[in-house]
Amino acid sequence: MSDEAADTLNAVRDNGGKIVATGTTSIRTLETVGTKFGGDIRPDSGWTDIFIKPGYQWQVVDSFITNFHLPKSTLVMLVASFTGRDNILNAYQHAIEEKYRFFSFGDAMYIH
């Protein structure tokens, strides 16, 4: 996380805005920083081994855009940790019924 990115995100928060992540890599980056710094957004670099699953206490991300991940994947667990298990299962059932495309080049959803 660069100084500029941290400053921009903090300005959004300071002005009452919401942090909207695009993709699970961005989510993991933002939440790694938030977890490391007690919810604060600060410049940082390095690796992460964060595993976001149901029960996780979100620190930074207020909403996000992501694709429909493959069932039974850790990324579905990440989404379920934000939405709740039943909500994501209902969304996936709808996606299947409507023939949405899954995985990296498929359809996307906005989670808030």
PDB file of N, CA and C in Angstrom:
ATOM      1  N   MET A   1       0.857  -1.157   0.000  1.00  0.00           N
ATOM      2  CA  MET A   1       0.000   0.000   0.000  1.00  0.00           C
ATOM      3  C   MET A   1       0.907   1.225   0.000  1.00  0.00           C
ATOM      4  N   SER A   2       0.786   2.012  -1.037  1.00  0.00           N
ATOM      5  CA  SER A   2       1.628   3.209  -1.161  1.00  0.00           C
ATOM      6  C   SER A   2       1.133   4.320  -0.238  1.00  0.00           C
ATOM      7  N   ASP A   3       1.990   5.305  -0.012  1.00  0.00           N
ATOM      8  CA  ASP A   3       1.589   6.486   0.763  1.00  0.00           C
ATOM      9  C   ASP A   3       0.381   7.151   0.113  1.00  0.00           C
ATOM     10  N   GLU A   4       0.442   7.300  -1.202  1.00  0.00           N
ATOM     11  CA  GLU A   4      -0.635   7.969  -1.929  1.00  0.00           C
ATOM     12  C   GLU A   4      -1.960   7.211  -1.801  1.00  0.00           C
ATOM     13  N   ALA A   5      -1.914   5.895  -1.927  1.00  0.00           N
ATOM     14  CA  ALA A   5      -3.138   5.094  -1.801  1.00  0.00           C
ATOM     15  C   ALA A   5      -3.711   5.205  -0.393  1.00  0.00           C
ATOM     16  N   ALA A   6      -2.858   5.104   0.616  1.00  0.00           N
ATOM     17  CA  ALA A   6      -3.322   5.227   2.001  1.00  0.00           C
ATOM     18  C   ALA A   6      -3.932   6.602   2.245  1.00  0.00           C
ATOM     19  N   ASP A   7      -3.278   7.654   1.752  1.00  0.00           N
ATOM     20  CA  ASP A   7      -3.807   9.013   1.915  1.00  0.00           C
ATOM     21  C   ASP A   7      -5.167   9.162   1.244  1.00  0.00           C
ATOM     22  N   THR A   8      -5.298   8.632   0.047  1.00  0.00           N
ATOM     23  CA  THR A   8      -6.563   8.726  -0.690  1.00  0.00           C
ATOM     24  C   THR A   8      -7.678   7.997   0.052  1.00  0.00           C
ATOM     25  N   LEU A   9      -7.404   6.786   0.497  1.00  0.00           N
ATOM     26  CA  LEU A   9      -8.414   6.009   1.211  1.00  0.00           C
ATOM     27  C   LEU A   9      -8.791   6.660   2.536  1.00  0.00           C
ATOM     28  N   ASN A  10      -7.819   7.208   3.242  1.00  0.00           N
ATOM     29  CA  ASN A  10      -8.118   7.906   4.494  1.00  0.00           C
ATOM     30  C   ASN A  10      -8.937   9.163   4.249  1.00  0.00           C
ATOM     31  N   ALA A  11      -8.671   9.867   3.151  1.00  0.00           N
ATOM     32  CA  ALA A  11      -9.464  11.054   2.808  1.00  0.00           C
ATOM     33  C   ALA A  11     -10.913  10.658   2.531  1.00  0.00           C
ATOM     34  N   VAL A  12     -11.107   9.538   1.854  1.00  0.00           N
ATOM     35  CA  VAL A  12     -12.468   9.042   1.604  1.00  0.00           C
ATOM     36  C   VAL A  12     -13.177   8.802   2.930  1.00  0.00           C
ATOM     37  N   ARG A  13     -12.536   8.092   3.823  1.00  0.00           N
ATOM     38  CA  ARG A  13     -13.122   7.808   5.142  1.00  0.00           C
ATOM     39  C   ARG A  13     -13.389   9.094   5.919  1.00  0.00           C
ATOM     40  N   ASP A  14     -12.412  10.001   5.929  1.00  0.00           N
ATOM     41  CA  ASP A  14     -12.539  11.246   6.693  1.00  0.00           C
ATOM     42  C   ASP A  14     -13.710  12.099   6.224  1.00  0.00           C
ATOM     43  N   ASN A  15     -14.065  11.955   4.952  1.00  0.00           N
ATOM     44  CA  ASN A  15     -15.171  12.721   4.383  1.00  0.00           C
ATOM     45  C   ASN A  15     -16.480  11.935   4.355  1.00  0.00           C
ATOM     46  N   GLY A  16     -16.531  10.837   5.106  1.00  0.00           N
ATOM     47  CA  GLY A  16     -17.760  10.056   5.223  1.00  0.00           C
ATOM     48  C   GLY A  16     -18.012   9.085   4.090  1.00  0.00           C
ATOM     49  N   GLY A  17     -17.024   8.899   3.231  1.00  0.00           N
ATOM     50  CA  GLY A  17     -17.182   7.981   2.114  1.00  0.00           C
ATOM     51  C   GLY A  17     -16.977   6.536   2.521  1.00  0.00           C
ATOM     52  N   LYS A  18     -17.260   5.669   1.613  1.00  0.00           N
ATOM     53  CA  LYS A  18     -17.128   4.229   1.827  1.00  0.00           C
ATOM     54  C   LYS A  18     -16.002   3.672   0.965  1.00  0.00           C
ATOM     55  N   ILE A  19     -15.339   2.656   1.472  1.00  0.00           N
ATOM     56  CA  ILE A  19     -14.267   1.981   0.748  1.00  0.00           C
ATOM     57  C   ILE A  19     -14.883   0.823  -0.046  1.00  0.00           C
ATOM     58  N   VAL A  20     -14.812   0.930  -1.371  1.00  0.00           N
ATOM     59  CA  VAL A  20     -15.347  -0.088  -2.269  1.00  0.00           C
ATOM     60  C   VAL A  20     -14.166  -0.761  -2.965  1.00  0.00           C
ATOM     61  N   ALA A  21     -13.977  -2.029  -2.695  1.00  0.00           N
ATOM     62  CA  ALA A  21     -12.873  -2.779  -3.302  1.00  0.00           C
ATOM     63  C   ALA A  21     -13.340  -3.430  -4.598  1.00  0.00           C
ATOM     64  N   THR A  22     -12.418  -3.586  -5.519  1.00  0.00           N
ATOM     65  CA  THR A  22     -12.697  -4.283  -6.771  1.00  0.00           C
ATOM     66  C   THR A  22     -11.845  -5.544  -6.805  1.00  0.00           C
ATOM     67  N   GLY A  23     -12.483  -6.677  -6.564  1.00  0.00           N
ATOM     68  CA  GLY A  23     -11.794  -7.956  -6.609  1.00  0.00           C
ATOM     69  C   GLY A  23     -11.257  -8.408  -5.268  1.00  0.00           C
ATOM     70  N   THR A  24     -11.068  -9.714  -5.169  1.00  0.00           N
ATOM     71  CA  THR A  24     -10.637 -10.295  -3.905  1.00  0.00           C
ATOM     72  C   THR A  24      -9.181 -10.003  -3.570  1.00  0.00           C
ATOM     73  N   THR A  25      -8.352  -9.752  -4.560  1.00  0.00           N
ATOM     74  CA  THR A  25      -6.965  -9.379  -4.260  1.00  0.00           C
ATOM     75  C   THR A  25      -6.929  -8.027  -3.565  1.00  0.00           C
ATOM     76  N   SER A  26      -7.716  -7.085  -4.050  1.00  0.00           N
ATOM     77  CA  SER A  26      -7.806  -5.776  -3.390  1.00  0.00           C
ATOM     78  C   SER A  26      -8.369  -5.916  -1.982  1.00  0.00           C
ATOM     79  N   ILE A  27      -9.380  -6.753  -1.836  1.00  0.00           N
ATOM     80  CA  ILE A  27      -9.964  -6.984  -0.512  1.00  0.00           C
ATOM     81  C   ILE A  27      -8.901  -7.500   0.444  1.00  0.00           C
ATOM     82  N   ARG A  28      -8.167  -8.507   0.027  1.00  0.00           N
ATOM     83  CA  ARG A  28      -7.159  -9.108   0.905  1.00  0.00           C
ATOM     84  C   ARG A  28      -6.061  -8.106   1.251  1.00  0.00           C
ATOM     85  N   THR A  29      -5.683  -7.264   0.294  1.00  0.00           N
ATOM     86  CA  THR A  29      -4.676  -6.234   0.559  1.00  0.00           C
ATOM     87  C   THR A  29      -5.182  -5.248   1.598  1.00  0.00           C
ATOM     88  N   LEU A  30      -6.366  -4.709   1.375  1.00  0.00           N
ATOM     89  CA  LEU A  30      -6.924  -3.720   2.297  1.00  0.00           C
ATOM     90  C   LEU A  30      -7.159  -4.305   3.684  1.00  0.00           C
ATOM     91  N   GLU A  31      -7.686  -5.499   3.748  1.00  0.00           N
ATOM     92  CA  GLU A  31      -7.962  -6.112   5.043  1.00  0.00           C
ATOM     93  C   GLU A  31      -6.682  -6.534   5.765  1.00  0.00           C
ATOM     94  N   THR A  32      -5.651  -6.880   5.026  1.00  0.00           N
ATOM     95  CA  THR A  32      -4.360  -7.176   5.655  1.00  0.00           C
ATOM     96  C   THR A  32      -3.824  -5.938   6.356  1.00  0.00           C
ATOM     97  N   VAL A  33      -3.853  -4.815   5.654  1.00  0.00           N
ATOM     98  CA  VAL A  33      -3.389  -3.555   6.250  1.00  0.00           C
ATOM     99  C   VAL A  33      -4.256  -3.198   7.452  1.00  0.00           C
ATOM    100  N   GLY A  34      -5.575  -3.296   7.295  1.00  0.00           N
ATOM    101  CA  GLY A  34      -6.479  -2.968   8.393  1.00  0.00           C
ATOM    102  C   GLY A  34      -6.272  -3.839   9.610  1.00  0.00           C
ATOM    103  N   THR A  35      -6.075  -5.122   9.394  1.00  0.00           N
ATOM    104  CA  THR A  35      -5.839  -6.040  10.505  1.00  0.00           C
ATOM    105  C   THR A  35      -4.512  -5.731  11.190  1.00  0.00           C
ATOM    106  N   LYS A  36      -3.500  -5.446  10.406  1.00  0.00           N
ATOM    107  CA  LYS A  36      -2.169  -5.160  10.951  1.00  0.00           C
ATOM    108  C   LYS A  36      -2.154  -3.891  11.790  1.00  0.00           C
ATOM    109  N   PHE A  37      -2.956  -2.893  11.383  1.00  0.00           N
ATOM    110  CA  PHE A  37      -2.913  -1.586  12.042  1.00  0.00           C
ATOM    111  C   PHE A  37      -4.206  -1.247  12.782  1.00  0.00           C
ATOM    112  N   GLY A  38      -4.899  -2.259  13.273  1.00  0.00           N
ATOM    113  CA  GLY A  38      -6.076  -2.030  14.103  1.00  0.00           C
ATOM    114  C   GLY A  38      -7.191  -1.255  13.426  1.00  0.00           C
ATOM    115  N   GLY A  39      -7.394  -1.495  12.144  1.00  0.00           N
ATOM    116  CA  GLY A  39      -8.444  -0.821  11.400  1.00  0.00           C
ATOM    117  C   GLY A  39      -7.979   0.424  10.674  1.00  0.00           C
ATOM    118  N   ASP A  40      -6.790   0.898  10.987  1.00  0.00           N
ATOM    119  CA  ASP A  40      -6.238   2.069  10.304  1.00  0.00           C
ATOM    120  C   ASP A  40      -5.696   1.675   8.933  1.00  0.00           C
ATOM    121  N   ILE A  41      -5.690   2.635   8.035  1.00  0.00           N
ATOM    122  CA  ILE A  41      -5.110   2.428   6.710  1.00  0.00           C
ATOM    123  C   ILE A  41      -3.784   3.170   6.681  1.00  0.00           C
ATOM    124  N   ARG A  42      -2.705   2.414   6.594  1.00  0.00           N
ATOM    125  CA  ARG A  42      -1.358   2.985   6.579  1.00  0.00           C
ATOM    126  C   ARG A  42      -0.552   2.372   5.437  1.00  0.00           C
ATOM    127  N   PRO A  43       0.459   3.105   4.968  1.00  0.00           N
ATOM    128  CA  PRO A  43       1.343   2.532   3.942  1.00  0.00           C
ATOM    129  C   PRO A  43       2.025   1.274   4.483  1.00  0.00           C
ATOM    130  N   ASP A  44       2.186   0.296   3.625  1.00  0.00           N
ATOM    131  CA  ASP A  44       2.827  -0.945   4.044  1.00  0.00           C
ATOM    132  C   ASP A  44       3.166  -1.759   2.798  1.00  0.00           C
ATOM    133  N   SER A  45       4.033  -2.726   2.955  1.00  0.00           N
ATOM    134  CA  SER A  45       4.336  -3.657   1.870  1.00  0.00           C
ATOM    135  C   SER A  45       4.698  -4.996   2.479  1.00  0.00           C
ATOM    136  N   GLY A  46       4.623  -6.020   1.671  1.00  0.00           N
ATOM    137  CA  GLY A  46       4.967  -7.350   2.142  1.00  0.00           C
ATOM    138  C   GLY A  46       3.995  -8.380   1.618  1.00  0.00           C
ATOM    139  N   TRP A  47       3.974  -9.515   2.281  1.00  0.00           N
ATOM    140  CA  TRP A  47       3.131 -10.646   1.907  1.00  0.00           C
ATOM    141  C   TRP A  47       1.967 -10.738   2.875  1.00  0.00           C
ATOM    142  N   THR A  48       0.955 -11.470   2.469  1.00  0.00           N
ATOM    143  CA  THR A  48      -0.157 -11.729   3.377  1.00  0.00           C
ATOM    144  C   THR A  48      -0.513 -13.205   3.368  1.00  0.00           C
ATOM    145  N   ASP A  49      -0.963 -13.662   4.501  1.00  0.00           N
ATOM    146  CA  ASP A  49      -1.514 -15.012   4.594  1.00  0.00           C
ATOM    147  C   ASP A  49      -2.928 -14.944   5.171  1.00  0.00           C
ATOM    148  N   ILE A  50      -3.552 -13.779   5.048  1.00  0.00           N
ATOM    149  CA  ILE A  50      -4.890 -13.591   5.596  1.00  0.00           C
ATOM    150  C   ILE A  50      -5.867 -14.567   4.940  1.00  0.00           C
ATOM    151  N   PHE A  51      -6.699 -15.178   5.760  1.00  0.00           N
ATOM    152  CA  PHE A  51      -7.731 -16.101   5.286  1.00  0.00           C
ATOM    153  C   PHE A  51      -9.058 -15.566   5.797  1.00  0.00           C
ATOM    154  N   ILE A  52      -9.813 -14.952   4.915  1.00  0.00           N
ATOM    155  CA  ILE A  52     -11.077 -14.330   5.296  1.00  0.00           C
ATOM    156  C   ILE A  52     -12.185 -15.354   5.114  1.00  0.00           C
ATOM    157  N   LYS A  53     -12.824 -15.682   6.221  1.00  0.00           N
ATOM    158  CA  LYS A  53     -13.875 -16.703   6.224  1.00  0.00           C
ATOM    159  C   LYS A  53     -14.976 -16.239   7.174  1.00  0.00           C
ATOM    160  N   PRO A  54     -16.134 -16.905   7.162  1.00  0.00           N
ATOM    161  CA  PRO A  54     -17.192 -16.498   8.084  1.00  0.00           C
ATOM    162  C   PRO A  54     -16.675 -16.370   9.515  1.00  0.00           C
ATOM    163  N   GLY A  55     -17.079 -15.278  10.150  1.00  0.00           N
ATOM    164  CA  GLY A  55     -16.597 -14.954  11.486  1.00  0.00           C
ATOM    165  C   GLY A  55     -15.536 -13.869  11.485  1.00  0.00           C
ATOM    166  N   TYR A  56     -14.963 -13.593  10.316  1.00  0.00           N
ATOM    167  CA  TYR A  56     -13.942 -12.555  10.192  1.00  0.00           C
ATOM    168  C   TYR A  56     -14.553 -11.190  10.507  1.00  0.00           C
ATOM    169  N   GLN A  57     -13.811 -10.358  11.228  1.00  0.00           N
ATOM    170  CA  GLN A  57     -14.238  -8.996  11.559  1.00  0.00           C
ATOM    171  C   GLN A  57     -13.628  -8.030  10.551  1.00  0.00           C
ATOM    172  N   TRP A  58     -14.452  -7.520   9.646  1.00  0.00           N
ATOM    173  CA  TRP A  58     -13.986  -6.630   8.583  1.00  0.00           C
ATOM    174  C   TRP A  58     -13.457  -5.327   9.165  1.00  0.00           C
ATOM    175  N   GLN A  59     -12.326  -4.859   8.628  1.00  0.00           N
ATOM    176  CA  GLN A  59     -11.629  -3.691   9.144  1.00  0.00           C
ATOM    177  C   GLN A  59     -11.734  -2.470   8.234  1.00  0.00           C
ATOM    178  N   VAL A  60     -11.686  -2.659   6.939  1.00  0.00           N
ATOM    179  CA  VAL A  60     -11.530  -1.542   6.002  1.00  0.00           C
ATOM    180  C   VAL A  60     -12.628  -1.510   4.939  1.00  0.00           C
ATOM    181  N   VAL A  61     -12.881  -2.613   4.301  1.00  0.00           N
ATOM    182  CA  VAL A  61     -13.772  -2.672   3.135  1.00  0.00           C
ATOM    183  C   VAL A  61     -15.233  -2.536   3.567  1.00  0.00           C
ATOM    184  N   ASP A  62     -15.942  -1.604   2.912  1.00  0.00           N
ATOM    185  CA  ASP A  62     -17.367  -1.399   3.182  1.00  0.00           C
ATOM    186  C   ASP A  62     -18.255  -2.113   2.171  1.00  0.00           C
ATOM    187  N   SER A  63     -17.768  -2.314   0.977  1.00  0.00           N
ATOM    188  CA  SER A  63     -18.486  -3.036  -0.067  1.00  0.00           C
ATOM    189  C   SER A  63     -17.476  -3.425  -1.136  1.00  0.00           C
ATOM    190  N   PHE A  64     -17.912  -4.295  -2.061  1.00  0.00           N
ATOM    191  CA  PHE A  64     -16.967  -4.712  -3.095  1.00  0.00           C
ATOM    192  C   PHE A  64     -17.669  -5.262  -4.327  1.00  0.00           C
ATOM    193  N   ILE A  65     -16.893  -5.309  -5.400  1.00  0.00           N
ATOM    194  CA  ILE A  65     -17.307  -5.925  -6.653  1.00  0.00           C
ATOM    195  C   ILE A  65     -16.427  -7.154  -6.843  1.00  0.00           C
ATOM    196  N   THR A  66     -17.052  -8.268  -7.164  1.00  0.00           N
ATOM    197  CA  THR A  66     -16.292  -9.488  -7.413  1.00  0.00           C
ATOM    198  C   THR A  66     -17.085 -10.369  -8.372  1.00  0.00           C
ATOM    199  N   ASN A  67     -16.419 -11.351  -8.932  1.00  0.00           N
ATOM    200  CA  ASN A  67     -17.124 -12.241  -9.847  1.00  0.00           C
ATOM    201  C   ASN A  67     -17.782 -13.380  -9.070  1.00  0.00           C
ATOM    202  N   PHE A  68     -18.481 -14.217  -9.768  1.00  0.00           N
ATOM    203  CA  PHE A  68     -19.063 -15.413  -9.170  1.00  0.00           C
ATOM    204  C   PHE A  68     -17.975 -16.482  -9.165  1.00  0.00           C
ATOM    205  N   HIS A  69     -17.476 -16.773  -7.989  1.00  0.00           N
ATOM    206  CA  HIS A  69     -16.361 -17.703  -7.834  1.00  0.00           C
ATOM    207  C   HIS A  69     -16.842 -19.146  -7.918  1.00  0.00           C
ATOM    208  N   LEU A  70     -15.897 -20.018  -8.135  1.00  0.00           N
ATOM    209  CA  LEU A  70     -16.235 -21.437  -8.206  1.00  0.00           C
ATOM    210  C   LEU A  70     -16.760 -21.915  -6.854  1.00  0.00           C
ATOM    211  N   PRO A  71     -17.812 -22.737  -6.870  1.00  0.00           N
ATOM    212  CA  PRO A  71     -18.360 -23.258  -5.619  1.00  0.00           C
ATOM    213  C   PRO A  71     -17.297 -23.988  -4.801  1.00  0.00           C
ATOM    214  N   LYS A  72     -17.472 -23.942  -3.505  1.00  0.00           N
ATOM    215  CA  LYS A  72     -16.602 -24.623  -2.543  1.00  0.00           C
ATOM    216  C   LYS A  72     -15.175 -24.088  -2.556  1.00  0.00           C
ATOM    217  N   SER A  73     -14.991 -22.857  -3.002  1.00  0.00           N
ATOM    218  CA  SER A  73     -13.651 -22.258  -3.005  1.00  0.00           C
ATOM    219  C   SER A  73     -13.483 -21.340  -1.798  1.00  0.00           C
ATOM    220  N   THR A  74     -12.243 -21.031  -1.476  1.00  0.00           N
ATOM    221  CA  THR A  74     -11.982 -20.105  -0.374  1.00  0.00           C
ATOM    222  C   THR A  74     -12.518 -18.712  -0.690  1.00  0.00           C
ATOM    223  N   LEU A  75     -12.617 -18.373  -1.968  1.00  0.00           N
ATOM    224  CA  LEU A  75     -13.146 -17.055  -2.328  1.00  0.00           C
ATOM    225  C   LEU A  75     -14.645 -16.966  -2.060  1.00  0.00           C
ATOM    226  N   VAL A  76     -15.366 -18.063  -2.213  1.00  0.00           N
ATOM    227  CA  VAL A  76     -16.782 -18.068  -1.826  1.00  0.00           C
ATOM    228  C   VAL A  76     -16.889 -17.880  -0.316  1.00  0.00           C
ATOM    229  N   MET A  77     -15.970 -18.456   0.431  1.00  0.00           N
ATOM    230  CA  MET A  77     -15.958 -18.268   1.884  1.00  0.00           C
ATOM    231  C   MET A  77     -15.724 -16.801   2.229  1.00  0.00           C
ATOM    232  N   LEU A  78     -14.828 -16.149   1.500  1.00  0.00           N
ATOM    233  CA  LEU A  78     -14.570 -14.726   1.712  1.00  0.00           C
ATOM    234  C   LEU A  78     -15.860 -13.930   1.513  1.00  0.00           C
ATOM    235  N   VAL A  79     -16.546 -14.165   0.405  1.00  0.00           N
ATOM    236  CA  VAL A  79     -17.790 -13.445   0.127  1.00  0.00           C
ATOM    237  C   VAL A  79     -18.832 -13.755   1.201  1.00  0.00           C
ATOM    238  N   ALA A  80     -18.948 -15.017   1.589  1.00  0.00           N
ATOM    239  CA  ALA A  80     -19.915 -15.415   2.618  1.00  0.00           C
ATOM    240  C   ALA A  80     -19.617 -14.762   3.958  1.00  0.00           C
ATOM    241  N   SER A  81     -18.363 -14.475   4.230  1.00  0.00           N
ATOM    242  CA  SER A  81     -18.022 -13.822   5.494  1.00  0.00           C
ATOM    243  C   SER A  81     -18.584 -12.410   5.555  1.00  0.00           C
ATOM    244  N   PHE A  82     -18.824 -11.810   4.407  1.00  0.00           N
ATOM    245  CA  PHE A  82     -19.371 -10.453   4.329  1.00  0.00           C
ATOM    246  C   PHE A  82     -20.897 -10.481   4.260  1.00  0.00           C
ATOM    247  N   THR A  83     -21.446 -11.407   3.481  1.00  0.00           N
ATOM    248  CA  THR A  83     -22.885 -11.422   3.200  1.00  0.00           C
ATOM    249  C   THR A  83     -23.688 -12.319   4.127  1.00  0.00           C
ATOM    250  N   GLY A  84     -23.032 -13.315   4.670  1.00  0.00           N
ATOM    251  CA  GLY A  84     -23.738 -14.376   5.372  1.00  0.00           C
ATOM    252  C   GLY A  84     -23.935 -15.543   4.415  1.00  0.00           C
ATOM    253  N   ARG A  85     -23.867 -16.724   4.951  1.00  0.00           N
ATOM    254  CA  ARG A  85     -23.923 -17.945   4.136  1.00  0.00           C
ATOM    255  C   ARG A  85     -25.210 -18.039   3.319  1.00  0.00           C
ATOM    256  N   ASP A  86     -26.355 -17.831   3.962  1.00  0.00           N
ATOM    257  CA  ASP A  86     -27.630 -17.981   3.256  1.00  0.00           C
ATOM    258  C   ASP A  86     -27.769 -16.979   2.122  1.00  0.00           C
ATOM    259  N   ASN A  87     -27.345 -15.750   2.336  1.00  0.00           N
ATOM    260  CA  ASN A  87     -27.442 -14.733   1.283  1.00  0.00           C
ATOM    261  C   ASN A  87     -26.616 -15.104   0.061  1.00  0.00           C
ATOM    262  N   ILE A  88     -25.408 -15.586   0.280  1.00  0.00           N
ATOM    263  CA  ILE A  88     -24.576 -15.908  -0.879  1.00  0.00           C
ATOM    264  C   ILE A  88     -25.097 -17.164  -1.578  1.00  0.00           C
ATOM    265  N   LEU A  89     -25.607 -18.127  -0.822  1.00  0.00           N
ATOM    266  CA  LEU A  89     -26.192 -19.313  -1.456  1.00  0.00           C
ATOM    267  C   LEU A  89     -27.407 -18.933  -2.300  1.00  0.00           C
ATOM    268  N   ASN A  90     -28.228 -18.012  -1.808  1.00  0.00           N
ATOM    269  CA  ASN A  90     -29.380 -17.536  -2.586  1.00  0.00           C
ATOM    270  C   ASN A  90     -28.927 -16.818  -3.853  1.00  0.00           C
ATOM    271  N   ALA A  91     -27.894 -15.996  -3.744  1.00  0.00           N
ATOM    272  CA  ALA A  91     -27.373 -15.282  -4.917  1.00  0.00           C
ATOM    273  C   ALA A  91     -26.830 -16.262  -5.950  1.00  0.00           C
ATOM    274  N   TYR A  92     -26.132 -17.281  -5.491  1.00  0.00           N
ATOM    275  CA  TYR A  92     -25.583 -18.277  -6.414  1.00  0.00           C
ATOM    276  C   TYR A  92     -26.694 -19.099  -7.063  1.00  0.00           C
ATOM    277  N   GLN A  93     -27.736 -19.416  -6.315  1.00  0.00           N
ATOM    278  CA  GLN A  93     -28.863 -20.144  -6.898  1.00  0.00           C
ATOM    279  C   GLN A  93     -29.517 -19.306  -7.996  1.00  0.00           C
ATOM    280  N   HIS A  94     -29.695 -18.018  -7.732  1.00  0.00           N
ATOM    281  CA  HIS A  94     -30.243 -17.109  -8.744  1.00  0.00           C
ATOM    282  C   HIS A  94     -29.328 -17.071  -9.975  1.00  0.00           C
ATOM    283  N   ALA A  95     -28.034 -16.984  -9.738  1.00  0.00           N
ATOM    284  CA  ALA A  95     -27.066 -16.929 -10.843  1.00  0.00           C
ATOM    285  C   ALA A  95     -27.139 -18.190 -11.704  1.00  0.00           C
ATOM    286  N   ILE A  96     -27.283 -19.327 -11.067  1.00  0.00           N
ATOM    287  CA  ILE A  96     -27.392 -20.591 -11.808  1.00  0.00           C
ATOM    288  C   ILE A  96     -28.680 -20.612 -12.629  1.00  0.00           C
ATOM    289  N   GLU A  97     -29.785 -20.217 -11.995  1.00  0.00           N
ATOM    290  CA  GLU A  97     -31.077 -20.211 -12.700  1.00  0.00           C
ATOM    291  C   GLU A  97     -31.074 -19.264 -13.900  1.00  0.00           C
ATOM    292  N   GLU A  98     -30.380 -18.148 -13.765  1.00  0.00           N
ATOM    293  CA  GLU A  98     -30.344 -17.146 -14.834  1.00  0.00           C
ATOM    294  C   GLU A  98     -29.178 -17.350 -15.807  1.00  0.00           C
ATOM    295  N   LYS A  99     -28.434 -18.441 -15.593  1.00  0.00           N
ATOM    296  CA  LYS A  99     -27.312 -18.807 -16.462  1.00  0.00           C
ATOM    297  C   LYS A  99     -26.196 -17.754 -16.485  1.00  0.00           C
ATOM    298  N   TYR A 100     -25.919 -17.188 -15.298  1.00  0.00           N
ATOM    299  CA  TYR A 100     -24.776 -16.282 -15.192  1.00  0.00           C
ATOM    300  C   TYR A 100     -23.506 -17.091 -15.434  1.00  0.00           C
ATOM    301  N   ARG A 101     -22.478 -16.391 -15.832  1.00  0.00           N
ATOM    302  CA  ARG A 101     -21.182 -17.036 -16.050  1.00  0.00           C
ATOM    303  C   ARG A 101     -20.353 -16.927 -14.772  1.00  0.00           C
ATOM    304  N   PHE A 102     -19.676 -17.998 -14.453  1.00  0.00           N
ATOM    305  CA  PHE A 102     -18.863 -18.054 -13.239  1.00  0.00           C
ATOM    306  C   PHE A 102     -17.380 -17.946 -13.585  1.00  0.00           C
ATOM    307  N   PHE A 103     -16.590 -17.683 -12.581  1.00  0.00           N
ATOM    308  CA  PHE A 103     -15.135 -17.675 -12.571  1.00  0.00           C
ATOM    309  C   PHE A 103     -14.580 -16.391 -13.172  1.00  0.00           C
ATOM    310  N   SER A 104     -13.349 -16.373 -13.511  1.00  0.00           N
ATOM    311  CA  SER A 104     -12.604 -15.143 -13.780  1.00  0.00           C
ATOM    312  C   SER A 104     -13.148 -14.277 -14.906  1.00  0.00           C
ATOM    313  N   PHE A 105     -13.722 -14.856 -15.918  1.00  0.00           N
ATOM    314  CA  PHE A 105     -14.217 -14.058 -17.035  1.00  0.00           C
ATOM    315  C   PHE A 105     -15.737 -14.081 -17.101  1.00  0.00           C
ATOM    316  N   GLY A 106     -16.359 -14.299 -15.960  1.00  0.00           N
ATOM    317  CA  GLY A 106     -17.807 -14.377 -15.901  1.00  0.00           C
ATOM    318  C   GLY A 106     -18.454 -13.081 -15.455  1.00  0.00           C
ATOM    319  N   ASP A 107     -19.661 -13.210 -14.947  1.00  0.00           N
ATOM    320  CA  ASP A 107     -20.422 -12.064 -14.470  1.00  0.00           C
ATOM    321  C   ASP A 107     -19.929 -11.644 -13.091  1.00  0.00           C
ATOM    322  N   ALA A 108     -20.257 -10.423 -12.725  1.00  0.00           N
ATOM    323  CA  ALA A 108     -19.815  -9.871 -11.443  1.00  0.00           C
ATOM    324  C   ALA A 108     -21.018  -9.520 -10.579  1.00  0.00           C
ATOM    325  N   MET A 109     -20.748  -9.303  -9.307  1.00  0.00           N
ATOM    326  CA  MET A 109     -21.784  -8.871  -8.375  1.00  0.00           C
ATOM    327  C   MET A 109     -21.225  -7.772  -7.477  1.00  0.00           C
ATOM    328  N   TYR A 110     -22.116  -6.877  -7.064  1.00  0.00           N
ATOM    329  CA  TYR A 110     -21.767  -5.809  -6.125  1.00  0.00           C
ATOM    330  C   TYR A 110     -22.304  -6.223  -4.762  1.00  0.00           C
ATOM    331  N   ILE A 111     -21.426  -6.343  -3.800  1.00  0.00           N
ATOM    332  CA  ILE A 111     -21.780  -6.785  -2.453  1.00  0.00           C
ATOM    333  C   ILE A 111     -21.674  -5.585  -1.518  1.00  0.00           C
ATOM    334  N   HIS A 112     -22.773  -5.288  -0.827  1.00  0.00           N
ATOM    335  CA  HIS A 112     -22.756  -4.147   0.111  1.00  0.00           C
ATOM    336  C   HIS A 112     -23.552  -4.451   1.353  1.00  0.00           C
TER     337      HIS A 112
END
